[in-house]
Each structure stands twice: as C-alpha cells, then as structure tokens.
N, C-alpha and C. Protein backbone atom coordinates (compact mmCIF):
# COMPACT_ATOMS: atom_id res chain seq x y z
N UNK A 1 17.36 -34.81 6.86
CA UNK A 1 16.60 -33.64 6.46
C UNK A 1 15.22 -33.70 7.12
N UNK A 2 14.78 -32.54 7.66
CA UNK A 2 13.49 -32.46 8.34
C UNK A 2 12.36 -32.36 7.32
N UNK A 3 11.35 -33.17 7.52
CA UNK A 3 10.19 -33.12 6.63
C UNK A 3 9.11 -32.28 7.28
N UNK A 4 8.45 -31.47 6.47
CA UNK A 4 7.39 -30.61 6.97
C UNK A 4 6.04 -31.19 6.61
N UNK A 5 5.11 -31.04 7.53
CA UNK A 5 3.76 -31.51 7.32
C UNK A 5 3.05 -30.54 6.37
N UNK A 6 2.41 -31.06 5.36
CA UNK A 6 1.68 -30.22 4.40
C UNK A 6 0.19 -30.41 4.64
N UNK A 7 -0.52 -29.30 4.75
CA UNK A 7 -1.95 -29.33 4.99
C UNK A 7 -2.68 -29.34 3.64
N UNK A 8 -3.32 -30.44 3.27
CA UNK A 8 -3.97 -30.54 1.96
C UNK A 8 -5.37 -29.93 1.90
N UNK A 9 -5.76 -29.15 2.90
CA UNK A 9 -7.11 -28.61 2.98
C UNK A 9 -7.19 -27.25 2.31
N UNK A 10 -8.30 -27.00 1.62
CA UNK A 10 -8.58 -25.69 1.06
C UNK A 10 -9.71 -25.09 1.88
N UNK A 11 -9.50 -23.89 2.38
CA UNK A 11 -10.49 -23.23 3.23
C UNK A 11 -11.33 -22.27 2.39
N UNK A 12 -12.59 -22.17 2.73
CA UNK A 12 -13.51 -21.30 2.00
C UNK A 12 -13.26 -19.84 2.38
N UNK A 13 -13.62 -18.91 1.50
CA UNK A 13 -13.50 -17.48 1.84
C UNK A 13 -14.28 -17.14 3.12
N UNK A 14 -15.42 -17.77 3.33
CA UNK A 14 -16.21 -17.50 4.54
C UNK A 14 -15.44 -17.90 5.80
N UNK A 15 -14.79 -19.05 5.77
CA UNK A 15 -14.02 -19.51 6.91
C UNK A 15 -12.85 -18.57 7.17
N UNK A 16 -12.16 -18.18 6.10
CA UNK A 16 -11.02 -17.27 6.24
C UNK A 16 -11.47 -15.93 6.83
N UNK A 17 -12.57 -15.39 6.30
CA UNK A 17 -13.03 -14.09 6.79
C UNK A 17 -13.51 -14.19 8.24
N UNK A 18 -14.08 -15.33 8.62
CA UNK A 18 -14.50 -15.52 10.01
C UNK A 18 -13.29 -15.52 10.93
N UNK A 19 -12.22 -16.17 10.52
CA UNK A 19 -10.99 -16.20 11.32
C UNK A 19 -10.42 -14.78 11.49
N UNK A 20 -10.39 -14.03 10.39
CA UNK A 20 -9.87 -12.65 10.44
C UNK A 20 -10.77 -11.80 11.34
N UNK A 21 -12.07 -11.97 11.20
CA UNK A 21 -13.03 -11.21 12.01
C UNK A 21 -12.83 -11.51 13.50
N UNK A 22 -12.71 -12.78 13.85
CA UNK A 22 -12.53 -13.14 15.26
C UNK A 22 -11.23 -12.57 15.81
N UNK A 23 -10.19 -12.54 14.98
CA UNK A 23 -8.92 -11.99 15.42
C UNK A 23 -9.01 -10.48 15.63
N UNK A 24 -9.57 -9.77 14.67
CA UNK A 24 -9.60 -8.31 14.74
C UNK A 24 -10.74 -7.79 15.60
N UNK A 25 -11.94 -8.19 15.30
CA UNK A 25 -13.10 -7.66 16.01
C UNK A 25 -13.28 -8.33 17.37
N UNK A 26 -13.02 -9.63 17.43
CA UNK A 26 -13.15 -10.36 18.68
C UNK A 26 -11.92 -10.28 19.55
N UNK A 27 -10.88 -9.67 19.04
CA UNK A 27 -9.58 -9.49 19.72
C UNK A 27 -9.04 -10.80 20.29
N UNK A 28 -9.20 -11.87 19.53
CA UNK A 28 -8.64 -13.15 19.93
C UNK A 28 -7.25 -13.26 19.30
N UNK A 29 -6.20 -13.42 20.09
CA UNK A 29 -4.84 -13.53 19.54
C UNK A 29 -4.72 -14.72 18.58
N UNK A 30 -3.79 -14.61 17.63
CA UNK A 30 -3.60 -15.65 16.62
C UNK A 30 -3.46 -17.04 17.24
N UNK A 31 -2.56 -17.15 18.21
CA UNK A 31 -2.28 -18.46 18.80
C UNK A 31 -3.54 -19.06 19.41
N UNK A 32 -4.27 -18.27 20.19
CA UNK A 32 -5.48 -18.78 20.85
C UNK A 32 -6.56 -19.10 19.83
N UNK A 33 -6.68 -18.29 18.79
CA UNK A 33 -7.67 -18.53 17.74
C UNK A 33 -7.42 -19.88 17.06
N UNK A 34 -6.17 -20.16 16.76
CA UNK A 34 -5.81 -21.44 16.14
C UNK A 34 -6.10 -22.60 17.09
N UNK A 35 -5.85 -22.39 18.38
CA UNK A 35 -6.14 -23.42 19.38
C UNK A 35 -7.64 -23.67 19.47
N UNK A 36 -8.44 -22.60 19.45
CA UNK A 36 -9.89 -22.74 19.54
C UNK A 36 -10.43 -23.55 18.37
N UNK A 37 -9.99 -23.22 17.16
CA UNK A 37 -10.44 -23.94 15.97
C UNK A 37 -10.04 -25.41 16.06
N UNK A 38 -8.83 -25.67 16.55
CA UNK A 38 -8.36 -27.04 16.70
C UNK A 38 -9.23 -27.79 17.71
N UNK A 39 -9.55 -27.14 18.81
CA UNK A 39 -10.37 -27.77 19.84
C UNK A 39 -11.80 -28.00 19.37
N UNK A 40 -12.38 -27.01 18.70
CA UNK A 40 -13.76 -27.14 18.20
C UNK A 40 -13.86 -28.28 17.19
N UNK A 41 -12.84 -28.43 16.36
CA UNK A 41 -12.86 -29.46 15.31
C UNK A 41 -12.33 -30.81 15.79
N UNK A 42 -12.07 -30.92 17.09
CA UNK A 42 -11.53 -32.16 17.68
C UNK A 42 -10.23 -32.58 16.99
N UNK A 43 -9.41 -31.59 16.67
CA UNK A 43 -8.10 -31.85 16.10
C UNK A 43 -8.05 -32.03 14.59
N UNK A 44 -9.20 -31.94 13.92
CA UNK A 44 -9.19 -32.17 12.46
C UNK A 44 -8.79 -30.92 11.67
N UNK A 45 -8.88 -29.74 12.27
CA UNK A 45 -8.42 -28.51 11.61
C UNK A 45 -7.27 -27.95 12.44
N UNK A 46 -6.09 -27.96 11.85
CA UNK A 46 -4.88 -27.49 12.53
C UNK A 46 -4.29 -26.33 11.73
N UNK A 47 -4.63 -25.12 12.13
CA UNK A 47 -4.19 -23.93 11.41
C UNK A 47 -3.03 -23.29 12.15
N UNK A 48 -2.03 -22.84 11.40
CA UNK A 48 -0.89 -22.14 11.98
C UNK A 48 -1.20 -20.64 12.02
N UNK A 49 -0.57 -19.94 12.95
CA UNK A 49 -0.75 -18.49 13.07
C UNK A 49 -0.36 -17.78 11.77
N UNK A 50 0.70 -18.26 11.15
CA UNK A 50 1.17 -17.63 9.91
C UNK A 50 0.14 -17.74 8.79
N UNK A 51 -0.69 -18.77 8.84
CA UNK A 51 -1.74 -18.93 7.83
C UNK A 51 -2.77 -17.82 7.95
N UNK A 52 -3.15 -17.47 9.18
CA UNK A 52 -4.12 -16.40 9.39
C UNK A 52 -3.53 -15.06 8.94
N UNK A 53 -2.24 -14.84 9.21
CA UNK A 53 -1.56 -13.62 8.76
C UNK A 53 -1.58 -13.55 7.23
N UNK A 54 -1.33 -14.68 6.58
CA UNK A 54 -1.36 -14.75 5.11
C UNK A 54 -2.75 -14.39 4.60
N UNK A 55 -3.79 -14.91 5.25
CA UNK A 55 -5.16 -14.60 4.85
C UNK A 55 -5.45 -13.12 5.00
N UNK A 56 -4.91 -12.48 6.04
CA UNK A 56 -5.10 -11.04 6.22
C UNK A 56 -4.49 -10.26 5.06
N UNK A 57 -3.31 -10.68 4.63
CA UNK A 57 -2.65 -10.01 3.50
C UNK A 57 -3.45 -10.19 2.22
N UNK A 58 -4.01 -11.38 2.01
CA UNK A 58 -4.88 -11.62 0.85
C UNK A 58 -6.10 -10.72 0.91
N UNK A 59 -6.69 -10.62 2.11
CA UNK A 59 -7.86 -9.78 2.30
C UNK A 59 -7.54 -8.32 1.97
N UNK A 60 -6.38 -7.86 2.42
CA UNK A 60 -5.95 -6.49 2.14
C UNK A 60 -5.90 -6.25 0.64
N UNK A 61 -5.26 -7.16 -0.07
CA UNK A 61 -5.13 -7.01 -1.52
C UNK A 61 -6.49 -6.99 -2.20
N UNK A 62 -7.41 -7.83 -1.73
CA UNK A 62 -8.72 -7.94 -2.35
C UNK A 62 -9.70 -6.85 -1.92
N UNK A 63 -9.37 -6.10 -0.87
CA UNK A 63 -10.32 -5.10 -0.35
C UNK A 63 -9.99 -3.67 -0.75
N UNK A 64 -8.97 -3.46 -1.56
CA UNK A 64 -8.57 -2.10 -1.92
C UNK A 64 -9.71 -1.31 -2.56
N UNK A 65 -10.44 -1.92 -3.49
CA UNK A 65 -11.54 -1.21 -4.15
C UNK A 65 -12.66 -0.87 -3.17
N UNK A 66 -12.94 -1.78 -2.24
CA UNK A 66 -13.98 -1.53 -1.23
C UNK A 66 -13.58 -0.37 -0.32
N UNK A 67 -12.30 -0.32 0.06
CA UNK A 67 -11.83 0.78 0.91
C UNK A 67 -12.01 2.11 0.21
N UNK A 68 -11.63 2.17 -1.04
CA UNK A 68 -11.76 3.40 -1.81
C UNK A 68 -13.23 3.81 -1.93
N UNK A 69 -14.11 2.83 -2.16
CA UNK A 69 -15.54 3.11 -2.27
C UNK A 69 -16.09 3.68 -0.96
N UNK A 70 -15.71 3.07 0.17
CA UNK A 70 -16.17 3.57 1.47
C UNK A 70 -15.70 5.01 1.68
N UNK A 71 -14.44 5.27 1.40
CA UNK A 71 -13.90 6.62 1.59
C UNK A 71 -14.55 7.63 0.66
N UNK A 72 -14.81 7.25 -0.59
CA UNK A 72 -15.50 8.14 -1.53
C UNK A 72 -16.88 8.49 -1.00
N UNK A 73 -17.60 7.47 -0.53
CA UNK A 73 -18.94 7.69 0.00
C UNK A 73 -18.91 8.65 1.19
N UNK A 74 -17.93 8.50 2.06
CA UNK A 74 -17.81 9.38 3.22
C UNK A 74 -17.48 10.80 2.78
N UNK A 75 -16.54 10.95 1.85
CA UNK A 75 -16.13 12.28 1.38
C UNK A 75 -17.27 13.01 0.68
N UNK A 76 -18.20 12.27 0.07
CA UNK A 76 -19.31 12.89 -0.64
C UNK A 76 -20.42 13.37 0.30
N UNK A 77 -20.42 12.91 1.55
CA UNK A 77 -21.46 13.30 2.49
C UNK A 77 -21.22 14.71 3.01
N UNK A 78 -22.30 15.42 3.35
CA UNK A 78 -22.18 16.79 3.84
C UNK A 78 -21.76 16.85 5.30
N UNK A 79 -22.14 15.84 6.09
CA UNK A 79 -21.78 15.81 7.50
C UNK A 79 -20.89 14.60 7.75
N UNK A 80 -19.68 14.87 8.24
CA UNK A 80 -18.70 13.81 8.53
C UNK A 80 -18.22 14.00 9.96
N UNK A 81 -18.28 12.93 10.73
CA UNK A 81 -17.77 12.94 12.11
C UNK A 81 -16.35 12.40 12.09
N UNK A 82 -15.43 13.09 12.77
CA UNK A 82 -14.04 12.64 12.87
C UNK A 82 -13.65 12.63 14.34
N UNK A 83 -13.05 11.54 14.79
CA UNK A 83 -12.64 11.44 16.18
C UNK A 83 -11.30 10.71 16.22
N UNK A 84 -10.57 10.90 17.31
CA UNK A 84 -9.29 10.23 17.47
C UNK A 84 -9.08 9.87 18.93
N UNK A 85 -8.31 8.84 19.16
CA UNK A 85 -7.95 8.45 20.52
C UNK A 85 -6.56 7.84 20.50
N UNK A 86 -5.83 7.99 21.58
CA UNK A 86 -4.48 7.45 21.67
C UNK A 86 -4.50 5.97 21.95
N UNK A 87 -3.63 5.22 21.26
CA UNK A 87 -3.46 3.79 21.50
C UNK A 87 -1.98 3.45 21.41
N UNK A 88 -1.59 2.39 22.07
CA UNK A 88 -0.21 1.93 21.98
C UNK A 88 -0.14 0.72 21.07
N UNK A 89 0.79 0.78 20.14
CA UNK A 89 1.05 -0.34 19.24
C UNK A 89 2.52 -0.69 19.39
N UNK A 90 2.78 -1.91 19.81
CA UNK A 90 4.15 -2.36 20.08
C UNK A 90 4.88 -1.40 21.02
N UNK A 91 4.16 -0.89 22.02
CA UNK A 91 4.74 -0.02 23.03
C UNK A 91 4.91 1.43 22.61
N UNK A 92 4.56 1.78 21.37
CA UNK A 92 4.69 3.15 20.89
C UNK A 92 3.32 3.81 20.79
N UNK A 93 3.27 5.10 21.13
CA UNK A 93 2.02 5.85 21.08
C UNK A 93 1.64 6.13 19.63
N UNK A 94 0.39 5.84 19.29
CA UNK A 94 -0.18 6.11 17.98
C UNK A 94 -1.57 6.71 18.19
N UNK A 95 -2.20 7.14 17.10
CA UNK A 95 -3.52 7.74 17.18
C UNK A 95 -4.47 7.01 16.26
N UNK A 96 -5.58 6.57 16.84
CA UNK A 96 -6.61 5.85 16.12
C UNK A 96 -7.68 6.86 15.71
N UNK A 97 -7.83 7.07 14.41
CA UNK A 97 -8.79 8.04 13.87
C UNK A 97 -10.01 7.31 13.33
N UNK A 98 -11.18 7.87 13.58
CA UNK A 98 -12.43 7.33 13.05
C UNK A 98 -13.08 8.42 12.22
N UNK A 99 -13.39 8.09 10.98
CA UNK A 99 -14.08 9.01 10.08
C UNK A 99 -15.41 8.33 9.76
N UNK A 100 -16.53 8.99 10.09
CA UNK A 100 -17.82 8.34 9.88
C UNK A 100 -18.85 9.32 9.36
N UNK A 101 -19.75 8.81 8.58
CA UNK A 101 -20.90 9.57 8.10
C UNK A 101 -22.04 8.58 7.96
N UNK A 102 -23.17 9.05 7.45
CA UNK A 102 -24.29 8.11 7.26
C UNK A 102 -23.96 7.07 6.18
N UNK A 103 -22.94 7.35 5.37
CA UNK A 103 -22.58 6.45 4.27
C UNK A 103 -21.55 5.38 4.64
N UNK A 104 -20.90 5.52 5.78
CA UNK A 104 -19.90 4.52 6.15
C UNK A 104 -18.99 5.01 7.25
N UNK A 105 -18.11 4.13 7.69
CA UNK A 105 -17.13 4.46 8.73
C UNK A 105 -15.78 3.93 8.29
N UNK A 106 -14.76 4.73 8.50
CA UNK A 106 -13.40 4.34 8.14
C UNK A 106 -12.48 4.66 9.31
N UNK A 107 -11.61 3.73 9.64
CA UNK A 107 -10.68 3.92 10.75
C UNK A 107 -9.26 3.76 10.25
N UNK A 108 -8.35 4.54 10.81
CA UNK A 108 -6.95 4.39 10.48
C UNK A 108 -6.08 4.83 11.63
N UNK A 109 -4.84 4.40 11.62
CA UNK A 109 -3.90 4.72 12.68
C UNK A 109 -2.78 5.56 12.11
N UNK A 110 -2.43 6.66 12.83
CA UNK A 110 -1.31 7.50 12.43
C UNK A 110 -0.37 7.66 13.62
N UNK A 111 0.83 8.13 13.35
CA UNK A 111 1.82 8.32 14.40
C UNK A 111 1.61 9.62 15.16
N UNK A 112 0.93 10.61 14.54
CA UNK A 112 0.79 11.91 15.18
C UNK A 112 -0.67 12.24 15.45
N UNK A 113 -0.91 12.88 16.59
CA UNK A 113 -2.26 13.33 16.93
C UNK A 113 -2.59 14.57 16.09
N UNK A 114 -3.85 14.72 15.76
CA UNK A 114 -4.27 15.91 15.03
C UNK A 114 -3.79 15.93 13.60
N UNK A 115 -3.43 14.78 13.07
CA UNK A 115 -2.95 14.69 11.69
C UNK A 115 -4.16 14.72 10.76
N UNK A 116 -4.95 15.79 10.86
CA UNK A 116 -6.22 15.85 10.13
C UNK A 116 -6.00 15.89 8.62
N UNK A 117 -4.92 16.50 8.18
CA UNK A 117 -4.67 16.53 6.74
C UNK A 117 -4.47 15.12 6.22
N UNK A 118 -3.70 14.32 6.93
CA UNK A 118 -3.48 12.93 6.53
C UNK A 118 -4.78 12.15 6.59
N UNK A 119 -5.57 12.37 7.64
CA UNK A 119 -6.81 11.64 7.81
C UNK A 119 -7.81 12.00 6.72
N UNK A 120 -8.03 13.28 6.49
CA UNK A 120 -9.04 13.70 5.53
C UNK A 120 -8.63 13.48 4.08
N UNK A 121 -7.34 13.49 3.79
CA UNK A 121 -6.90 13.29 2.42
C UNK A 121 -6.54 11.84 2.14
N UNK A 122 -6.64 10.98 3.14
CA UNK A 122 -6.21 9.59 2.99
C UNK A 122 -6.88 8.88 1.84
N UNK A 123 -8.19 8.98 1.74
CA UNK A 123 -8.91 8.28 0.68
C UNK A 123 -8.57 8.80 -0.70
N UNK A 124 -8.40 10.11 -0.82
CA UNK A 124 -8.09 10.70 -2.12
C UNK A 124 -6.70 10.28 -2.57
N UNK A 125 -5.73 10.30 -1.66
CA UNK A 125 -4.38 9.85 -2.00
C UNK A 125 -4.38 8.39 -2.40
N UNK A 126 -5.13 7.60 -1.66
CA UNK A 126 -5.17 6.16 -1.91
C UNK A 126 -5.77 5.88 -3.27
N UNK A 127 -6.80 6.63 -3.63
CA UNK A 127 -7.44 6.43 -4.92
C UNK A 127 -6.49 6.81 -6.05
N UNK A 128 -5.75 7.92 -5.88
CA UNK A 128 -4.83 8.36 -6.92
C UNK A 128 -3.69 7.38 -7.11
N UNK A 129 -3.11 6.93 -6.02
CA UNK A 129 -1.96 6.04 -6.10
C UNK A 129 -2.38 4.62 -6.42
N UNK A 130 -3.30 4.08 -5.60
CA UNK A 130 -3.81 2.72 -5.73
C UNK A 130 -2.68 1.73 -5.96
N UNK A 131 -1.59 1.94 -5.21
CA UNK A 131 -0.47 1.03 -5.29
C UNK A 131 -0.70 -0.11 -4.32
N UNK A 132 -0.23 -1.27 -4.71
CA UNK A 132 -0.41 -2.41 -3.83
C UNK A 132 0.87 -3.24 -3.81
N UNK A 133 1.93 -2.67 -3.27
CA UNK A 133 3.19 -3.37 -3.19
C UNK A 133 3.34 -4.00 -1.82
N UNK A 134 4.20 -4.98 -1.70
CA UNK A 134 4.40 -5.64 -0.42
C UNK A 134 4.95 -4.66 0.61
N UNK A 135 5.85 -3.75 0.21
CA UNK A 135 6.44 -2.81 1.17
C UNK A 135 5.39 -1.86 1.73
N UNK A 136 4.41 -1.47 0.92
CA UNK A 136 3.40 -0.52 1.36
C UNK A 136 2.15 -1.19 1.91
N UNK A 137 2.15 -2.52 1.98
CA UNK A 137 0.95 -3.22 2.43
C UNK A 137 0.57 -2.79 3.84
N UNK A 138 -0.74 -2.62 4.06
CA UNK A 138 -1.25 -2.19 5.34
C UNK A 138 -2.25 -3.23 5.83
N UNK A 139 -2.27 -3.47 7.12
CA UNK A 139 -3.25 -4.38 7.68
C UNK A 139 -4.61 -3.70 7.64
N UNK A 140 -5.59 -4.37 7.07
CA UNK A 140 -6.89 -3.78 6.90
C UNK A 140 -7.97 -4.80 7.22
N UNK A 141 -9.05 -4.33 7.77
CA UNK A 141 -10.22 -5.19 8.00
C UNK A 141 -11.46 -4.37 7.69
N UNK A 142 -12.42 -4.95 6.99
CA UNK A 142 -13.69 -4.29 6.69
C UNK A 142 -14.81 -5.10 7.32
N UNK A 143 -15.79 -4.43 7.88
CA UNK A 143 -16.94 -5.08 8.50
C UNK A 143 -18.07 -4.07 8.55
N UNK A 144 -19.14 -4.38 9.27
CA UNK A 144 -20.21 -3.42 9.49
C UNK A 144 -20.42 -3.26 10.99
N UNK A 145 -20.93 -2.11 11.37
CA UNK A 145 -21.25 -1.83 12.77
C UNK A 145 -22.32 -0.76 12.79
N UNK A 146 -22.67 -0.28 13.97
CA UNK A 146 -23.66 0.77 14.09
C UNK A 146 -22.97 2.08 14.46
N UNK A 147 -23.34 3.16 13.79
CA UNK A 147 -22.76 4.48 14.04
C UNK A 147 -23.08 4.91 15.47
N UNK A 148 -22.05 5.32 16.23
CA UNK A 148 -22.30 5.74 17.61
C UNK A 148 -23.09 7.06 17.69
N UNK A 149 -23.14 7.81 16.60
CA UNK A 149 -23.80 9.11 16.60
C UNK A 149 -25.28 9.02 16.24
N UNK A 150 -25.59 8.19 15.23
CA UNK A 150 -26.98 8.16 14.76
C UNK A 150 -27.61 6.78 14.83
N UNK A 151 -26.83 5.72 15.13
CA UNK A 151 -27.38 4.38 15.26
C UNK A 151 -27.59 3.64 13.95
N UNK A 152 -27.23 4.25 12.82
CA UNK A 152 -27.38 3.62 11.52
C UNK A 152 -26.32 2.55 11.31
N UNK A 153 -26.69 1.45 10.65
CA UNK A 153 -25.71 0.41 10.32
C UNK A 153 -24.82 0.95 9.19
N UNK A 154 -23.49 0.89 9.41
CA UNK A 154 -22.54 1.44 8.44
C UNK A 154 -21.43 0.45 8.18
N UNK A 155 -20.79 0.60 7.03
CA UNK A 155 -19.62 -0.20 6.69
C UNK A 155 -18.41 0.39 7.41
N UNK A 156 -17.49 -0.47 7.87
CA UNK A 156 -16.32 -0.01 8.60
C UNK A 156 -15.07 -0.61 7.96
N UNK A 157 -14.06 0.22 7.76
CA UNK A 157 -12.76 -0.23 7.29
C UNK A 157 -11.70 0.26 8.26
N UNK A 158 -10.82 -0.61 8.69
CA UNK A 158 -9.75 -0.24 9.63
C UNK A 158 -8.42 -0.45 8.93
N UNK A 159 -7.54 0.56 8.98
CA UNK A 159 -6.25 0.51 8.32
C UNK A 159 -5.16 0.90 9.30
N UNK A 160 -4.07 0.14 9.33
CA UNK A 160 -2.88 0.55 10.08
C UNK A 160 -1.95 1.24 9.10
N UNK A 161 -1.67 2.51 9.32
CA UNK A 161 -0.84 3.30 8.42
C UNK A 161 0.64 3.02 8.68
N UNK A 162 1.46 2.90 7.61
CA UNK A 162 2.91 2.76 7.83
C UNK A 162 3.48 4.09 8.28
N UNK A 163 4.71 4.06 8.83
CA UNK A 163 5.33 5.30 9.29
C UNK A 163 5.62 6.22 8.14
C-alpha cells in the first residue's frame, strides 16, 4: 500500500491570500507558484497545486458577504461605468465585464456579449439567493486597485460565472 506524505503545517490567512493574489493578480500559474515558494523557502515549504485551489474555494465561501457589499455600494451610486471585453477561457469565447463606480469595482465573466441584464442584476440576484453550494461555487478574488476613469482607489471583486 502506498503511503502519502502528510504536511503538518498550518498556513496563516495572510500567506493563503498572498498565494491566491499572486496566482490571480500576478498571473503566476499554480505549478510555478508552488515551485517559487519551494525555492524561496529552500525546500521547507512544499505546497501542492491542489492546496492553492482549496484555498481559493475557502476564500470564495468567506467572501460572499464582501461581494454583496461591493455590489450594493456600486448599485447605490448615481454614476456607474460598465465595460466588457472578449477573453478566451479553456479555448471558448467569454466576455469579461467590469462594473465600477467611486464606491468599488466588480468584475465577472459571462458567456454572451452585451448580457447587460445579467451584469446589472447580478448583485441583486446574488443577495436574494445567497446560496453557497458546491455545484454553484464560483471562482472569486477580491482586492483593491485604482479606477481607470477617476484614479480613486477602489475595491475589486472578480467572479467567473457558471454557464
């Protein structure tokens, strides 16, 4: 019988969020990110790619209230900027939507261009349902950045929408 190595280390929320940030914002692939951490720590930290994916799912579960708050803040503003651009995910065309105001920025991906009803009603639907099942889980990341329109520092949430 094959024995598996068990990692007895507990990682801090700051370390986990840094790993997620480097993967999403720094666009460092999982495998390379794990290699970098291993190299920086001289082999004392050996993280598997699946561990980072698990941390992302934990982050998603814990960030639902923050996402709703960001979307509420944006919906309450009088001026909201909405933009979209085409991106490929797993070889399929999708649309990356950005909703921003002075109160925050929210990003999401949809299958159809011009899906403004889905984009603008997304936060309201999410607040009403507030379901958090494994089947409906969405990859999400929250951070801060500067608004491209006014230069103000804003909160940013990125969501990959299921089909």
